[in-house]
Amino acid sequence: MSDQGWQQLGRFGPFFAVSVLDDHDETTRAAAGWLSLTALVEEPDLLTGRIAAVRRALAGPAPGMAPGGLPARVAVSVTQLGLTARLVAVALAAAVDRLEVPGSAGLVFQDRLGGPYPLGVLSPCGAQTLTPAGWPDALLALVRPITQAAIDVHGLSAQVGRGNVASALASAVRMITAVDPGAGTQARALAGLAFATAELHGTGSSDDAGVFRRRSCCLIYRLATDPVFCGDCVLAGRDRSSRPSSSRPASGPSTRPSVPHSST
């Protein structure tokens, strides 16, 4: 694998950037706060603690809301969305650039909130170069453990969890396209393969202009007294509580608030 190739992913934006770290220098990595991505599933307290931190951070900006007043499922959804959105973005950009897509064991992260959390790839990671047809399996293998833990352990709706992955994928396509339309064409084709899988089929659809609309909601609207929905939300444009609602731009890591929603 080319270390320089990984470093070039950041040209698409901060959600695509990765650090390249020495696989054999675990002591230095640990001292710098790098954790194995697999720890989020293998050490349940780590994911539980992150959800709790997200819940506190999200409740902070919400007028009159204490951390305990924010529904737990909102924090779980936001956490799973933020974690998987970063992985989806990197996996898609890697496939576009014909790099190897590593598994969870080949990735490390720093447990931070506020913006894209630091993500690193271990070099050499031992990943295999994939054909486009093999990319969806690699993507789903990367995000499935965290999503399933959020569902099985923390009560996230499976529909919401898979919808969050789909929303993140559509957003990553948009961001790549905005920077490099040619790469965006490749990203769109790869995303189409992923949306055709059993896990992501039916999570959303695109109109003739290519605008994606998911069939579920990430629940972030629960933070506001006057709901504001993400642009790709199934609820966007609907009237709730007899009041018209506004909507954010199409959902994704670059357009959601910079509080831990986009960093979890």
Protein backbone atom coordinates (compact mmCIF):
# COMPACT_ATOMS: atom_id res chain seq x y z
CA MET A 1 0.00 0.00 0.00
CA SER A 2 1.23 3.52 -0.74
CA ASP A 3 1.35 5.73 2.35
CA GLN A 4 1.25 8.75 0.05
CA GLY A 5 -1.94 7.44 -1.50
CA TRP A 6 -3.67 7.40 1.87
CA GLN A 7 -2.47 10.91 2.66
CA GLN A 8 -4.01 12.17 -0.57
CA LEU A 9 -7.51 11.20 0.53
CA GLY A 10 -7.66 14.41 2.55
CA ARG A 11 -8.01 16.42 -0.67
CA PHE A 12 -11.72 15.56 -0.56
CA GLY A 13 -12.11 17.19 2.86
CA PRO A 14 -11.42 16.58 6.55
CA PHE A 15 -13.81 13.63 6.83
CA PHE A 16 -11.65 11.74 4.33
CA ALA A 17 -8.25 12.50 5.88
CA VAL A 18 -6.29 9.75 7.62
CA SER A 19 -2.96 9.48 9.36
CA VAL A 20 -0.58 6.69 8.38
CA LEU A 21 0.91 4.99 11.44
CA ASP A 22 3.52 2.29 11.98
CA ASP A 23 1.80 -0.99 12.71
CA HIS A 24 4.77 -2.13 14.80
CA ASP A 25 4.95 0.87 17.16
CA GLU A 26 2.02 0.19 19.48
CA THR A 27 3.65 1.91 22.46
CA THR A 28 3.98 5.25 20.67
CA ARG A 29 0.45 4.99 19.32
CA ALA A 30 -0.99 4.30 22.75
CA ALA A 31 0.90 7.24 24.27
CA ALA A 32 -0.65 9.49 21.61
CA GLY A 33 -4.16 8.27 22.44
CA TRP A 34 -4.68 6.00 19.44
CA LEU A 35 -7.10 3.12 20.04
CA SER A 36 -7.91 0.15 17.85
CA LEU A 37 -11.22 0.61 16.06
CA THR A 38 -12.15 -2.90 17.14
CA ALA A 39 -12.10 -1.71 20.77
CA LEU A 40 -15.44 0.04 20.22
CA VAL A 41 -17.04 -3.38 20.01
CA GLU A 42 -14.62 -5.53 22.01
CA GLU A 43 -14.62 -3.14 24.99
CA PRO A 44 -18.31 -2.21 25.49
CA ASP A 45 -17.54 0.48 28.06
CA LEU A 46 -15.76 2.51 25.37
CA LEU A 47 -18.83 2.84 23.16
CA THR A 48 -21.07 3.35 26.20
CA GLY A 49 -18.82 6.14 27.44
CA ARG A 50 -18.77 7.82 24.06
CA ILE A 51 -22.55 7.76 23.86
CA ALA A 52 -22.75 9.33 27.32
CA ALA A 53 -20.27 12.06 26.33
CA VAL A 54 -22.24 12.78 23.16
CA ARG A 55 -25.44 12.96 25.17
CA ARG A 56 -23.91 15.55 27.51
CA ALA A 57 -22.49 17.58 24.65
CA LEU A 58 -25.72 17.56 22.65
CA ALA A 59 -27.81 18.59 25.67
CA GLY A 60 -25.49 21.53 26.35
CA PRO A 61 -26.53 23.70 23.37
CA ALA A 62 -30.20 22.70 23.66
CA PRO A 63 -32.17 25.43 25.50
CA GLY A 64 -33.39 24.28 28.89
CA MET A 65 -32.31 20.68 28.43
CA ALA A 66 -30.27 18.76 30.99
CA PRO A 67 -28.28 15.73 29.78
CA GLY A 68 -30.88 13.40 31.26
CA GLY A 69 -33.59 15.21 29.35
CA LEU A 70 -32.20 14.21 25.97
CA PRO A 71 -33.64 10.86 24.88
CA ALA A 72 -30.91 8.24 25.01
CA ARG A 73 -31.78 6.97 21.55
CA VAL A 74 -30.92 10.37 20.06
CA ALA A 75 -27.41 10.17 21.50
CA VAL A 76 -27.05 6.57 20.33
CA SER A 77 -28.09 7.47 16.78
CA VAL A 78 -25.83 10.52 16.65
CA THR A 79 -22.89 8.49 17.97
CA GLN A 80 -23.36 5.65 15.49
CA LEU A 81 -23.86 8.11 12.64
CA GLY A 82 -20.71 10.05 13.42
CA LEU A 83 -18.55 6.98 13.85
CA THR A 84 -19.72 5.26 10.70
CA ALA A 85 -19.82 8.42 8.55
CA ARG A 86 -16.07 8.82 8.99
CA LEU A 87 -15.47 5.18 8.05
CA VAL A 88 -17.80 5.35 5.05
CA ALA A 89 -16.07 8.47 3.74
CA VAL A 90 -12.59 6.95 4.00
CA ALA A 91 -13.65 3.59 2.54
CA LEU A 92 -15.36 5.26 -0.42
CA ALA A 93 -12.45 7.60 -1.17
CA ALA A 94 -10.01 4.69 -0.89
CA ALA A 95 -12.03 2.69 -3.40
CA VAL A 96 -12.21 5.67 -5.76
CA ASP A 97 -8.42 6.01 -5.60
CA ARG A 98 -7.98 2.24 -6.00
CA LEU A 99 -6.38 1.83 -2.59
CA GLU A 100 -6.80 -1.18 -0.38
CA VAL A 101 -9.77 -0.90 1.99
CA PRO A 102 -8.59 -2.03 5.43
CA GLY A 103 -10.69 -3.90 7.93
CA SER A 104 -11.35 -2.68 11.46
CA ALA A 105 -8.14 -4.27 12.70
CA GLY A 106 -6.15 -2.07 10.31
CA LEU A 107 -7.60 1.20 11.64
CA VAL A 108 -7.07 3.20 14.82
CA PHE A 109 -8.84 6.28 16.13
CA GLN A 110 -8.66 8.90 18.85
CA ASP A 111 -11.74 9.16 21.04
CA ARG A 112 -12.46 12.86 20.56
CA LEU A 113 -15.60 14.87 20.00
CA GLY A 114 -16.01 18.02 17.95
CA GLY A 115 -15.27 17.71 14.25
CA PRO A 116 -14.02 14.64 12.37
CA TYR A 117 -12.38 12.36 14.92
CA PRO A 118 -8.76 11.45 14.13
CA LEU A 119 -8.56 8.21 12.14
CA GLY A 120 -5.39 6.35 11.29
CA VAL A 121 -4.47 3.46 9.03
CA LEU A 122 -1.74 1.05 10.10
CA SER A 123 1.03 0.58 7.59
CA PRO A 124 1.34 -2.02 6.34
CA CYS A 125 -2.26 -2.98 7.10
CA GLY A 126 -2.39 -6.17 5.05
CA ALA A 127 -5.59 -5.19 3.26
CA GLN A 128 -6.38 -6.50 -0.18
CA THR A 129 -7.09 -4.50 -3.31
CA LEU A 130 -10.74 -4.96 -4.20
CA THR A 131 -12.67 -4.98 -7.43
CA PRO A 132 -15.63 -2.56 -7.49
CA ALA A 133 -17.95 -5.52 -7.01
CA GLY A 134 -16.14 -6.47 -3.81
CA TRP A 135 -16.23 -2.97 -2.32
CA PRO A 136 -19.74 -3.12 -0.80
CA ASP A 137 -18.78 -6.15 1.29
CA ALA A 138 -15.66 -4.36 2.54
CA LEU A 139 -17.67 -1.26 3.40
CA LEU A 140 -20.37 -3.16 5.28
CA ALA A 141 -17.82 -5.28 7.13
CA LEU A 142 -16.25 -2.04 8.34
CA VAL A 143 -19.42 -0.35 9.63
CA ARG A 144 -21.48 -3.38 10.62
CA PRO A 145 -19.89 -4.13 14.03
CA ILE A 146 -20.43 -0.61 15.39
CA THR A 147 -23.93 -0.39 13.92
CA GLN A 148 -24.89 -3.79 15.29
CA ALA A 149 -23.55 -2.91 18.75
CA ALA A 150 -25.63 0.26 18.73
CA ILE A 151 -28.67 -1.84 17.82
CA ASP A 152 -28.14 -4.86 20.08
CA VAL A 153 -26.64 -3.19 23.14
CA HIS A 154 -27.97 0.36 23.06
CA GLY A 155 -31.41 -0.08 21.51
CA LEU A 156 -30.93 1.79 18.24
CA SER A 157 -33.58 1.01 15.65
CA ALA A 158 -32.12 -1.15 12.89
CA GLN A 159 -33.92 1.02 10.35
CA VAL A 160 -32.32 4.16 11.76
CA GLY A 161 -28.89 2.55 11.99
CA ARG A 162 -28.88 1.39 8.39
CA GLY A 163 -30.39 4.70 7.30
CA ASN A 164 -27.54 6.53 8.99
CA VAL A 165 -25.02 4.48 7.00
CA ALA A 166 -26.92 5.19 3.78
CA SER A 167 -27.10 8.91 4.55
CA ALA A 168 -23.37 9.00 5.25
CA LEU A 169 -22.66 7.24 1.95
CA ALA A 170 -24.79 9.65 -0.06
CA SER A 171 -23.12 12.58 1.67
CA ALA A 172 -19.63 11.22 0.94
CA VAL A 173 -20.55 10.97 -2.75
CA ARG A 174 -21.67 14.60 -2.75
CA MET A 175 -18.48 15.81 -1.08
CA ILE A 176 -16.21 13.91 -3.47
CA THR A 177 -18.21 15.18 -6.45
CA ALA A 178 -17.92 18.77 -5.25
CA VAL A 179 -14.13 18.52 -5.24
CA ASP A 180 -13.59 16.31 -8.30
CA PRO A 181 -16.56 15.56 -10.59
CA GLY A 182 -14.65 12.76 -12.31
CA ALA A 183 -13.98 11.04 -8.99
CA GLY A 184 -17.59 11.76 -8.09
CA THR A 185 -18.76 9.68 -11.04
CA GLN A 186 -16.74 6.74 -9.73
CA ALA A 187 -18.02 7.34 -6.19
CA ARG A 188 -21.62 7.37 -7.39
CA ALA A 189 -21.16 4.05 -9.18
CA LEU A 190 -19.57 2.47 -6.10
CA ALA A 191 -22.35 3.81 -3.90
CA GLY A 192 -24.92 2.33 -6.26
CA LEU A 193 -23.38 -1.10 -5.70
CA ALA A 194 -23.60 -0.64 -1.94
CA PHE A 195 -27.21 0.56 -2.08
CA ALA A 196 -28.08 -2.62 -3.97
CA THR A 197 -26.99 -4.85 -1.09
CA ALA A 198 -29.56 -6.42 1.21
CA GLU A 199 -28.41 -4.28 4.16
CA LEU A 200 -28.80 -0.91 2.44
CA HIS A 201 -31.51 -1.69 -0.10
CA GLY A 202 -34.62 0.36 0.62
CA THR A 203 -32.88 2.77 3.02
CA GLY A 204 -33.48 5.66 0.63
CA SER A 205 -33.77 6.72 -2.97
CA SER A 206 -32.51 9.43 -5.32
CA ASP A 207 -34.62 11.60 -7.58
CA ASP A 208 -33.87 12.37 -11.22
CA ALA A 209 -31.44 15.08 -10.15
CA GLY A 210 -29.55 12.62 -7.97
CA VAL A 211 -30.75 14.12 -4.68
CA PHE A 212 -30.90 11.43 -2.00
CA ARG A 213 -33.77 11.12 0.47
CA ARG A 214 -33.53 8.55 3.23
CA ARG A 215 -36.55 6.62 4.53
CA SER A 216 -35.71 7.14 8.20
CA CYS A 217 -34.56 9.90 10.55
CA CYS A 218 -31.32 10.30 12.52
CA LEU A 219 -33.38 11.93 15.34
CA ILE A 220 -31.22 15.06 15.59
CA TYR A 221 -34.38 17.16 15.23
CA ARG A 222 -35.22 16.20 18.83
CA LEU A 223 -32.64 18.75 19.99
CA ALA A 224 -34.75 21.74 18.97
CA THR A 225 -38.05 23.01 20.30
CA ASP A 226 -38.86 24.08 16.74
CA PRO A 227 -37.70 21.04 14.76
CA VAL A 228 -35.12 21.53 12.05
CA PHE A 229 -34.62 18.50 9.83
CA CYS A 230 -31.67 17.41 7.77
CA GLY A 231 -32.29 17.89 4.05
CA ASP A 232 -32.32 14.17 3.27
CA CYS A 233 -34.59 13.28 6.19
CA VAL A 234 -37.85 11.45 5.62
CA LEU A 235 -39.47 14.15 7.79
CA ALA A 236 -38.05 17.14 5.91
CA GLY A 237 -40.76 19.53 4.84
CA ARG A 238 -43.46 17.92 6.97
CA ASP A 239 -45.53 19.92 9.44
CA ARG A 240 -45.01 18.83 13.04
CA SER A 241 -47.00 20.05 16.05
CA SER A 242 -49.02 22.33 13.73
CA ARG A 243 -45.89 24.35 12.90
CA PRO A 244 -44.07 24.36 9.59
CA SER A 245 -40.56 22.99 9.93
CA SER A 246 -37.45 24.13 8.18
CA SER A 247 -34.75 21.84 6.96
CA ARG A 248 -30.99 21.75 6.92
CA PRO A 249 -29.04 21.01 3.76
CA ALA A 250 -28.91 17.37 2.75
CA SER A 251 -27.59 15.37 5.64
CA GLY A 252 -24.04 14.26 5.99
CA PRO A 253 -20.93 14.87 7.97
CA SER A 254 -20.13 18.17 6.31
CA THR A 255 -23.53 19.75 6.82
CA ARG A 256 -24.65 18.66 10.25
CA PRO A 257 -23.78 20.71 13.34
CA SER A 258 -20.15 20.68 14.43
CA VAL A 259 -21.06 19.49 17.92
CA PRO A 260 -20.44 15.79 18.37
CA HIS A 261 -23.14 14.87 15.89
CA SER A 262 -20.49 15.08 13.22
CA SER A 263 -17.66 13.69 15.26
CA THR A 264 -19.06 10.74 17.12
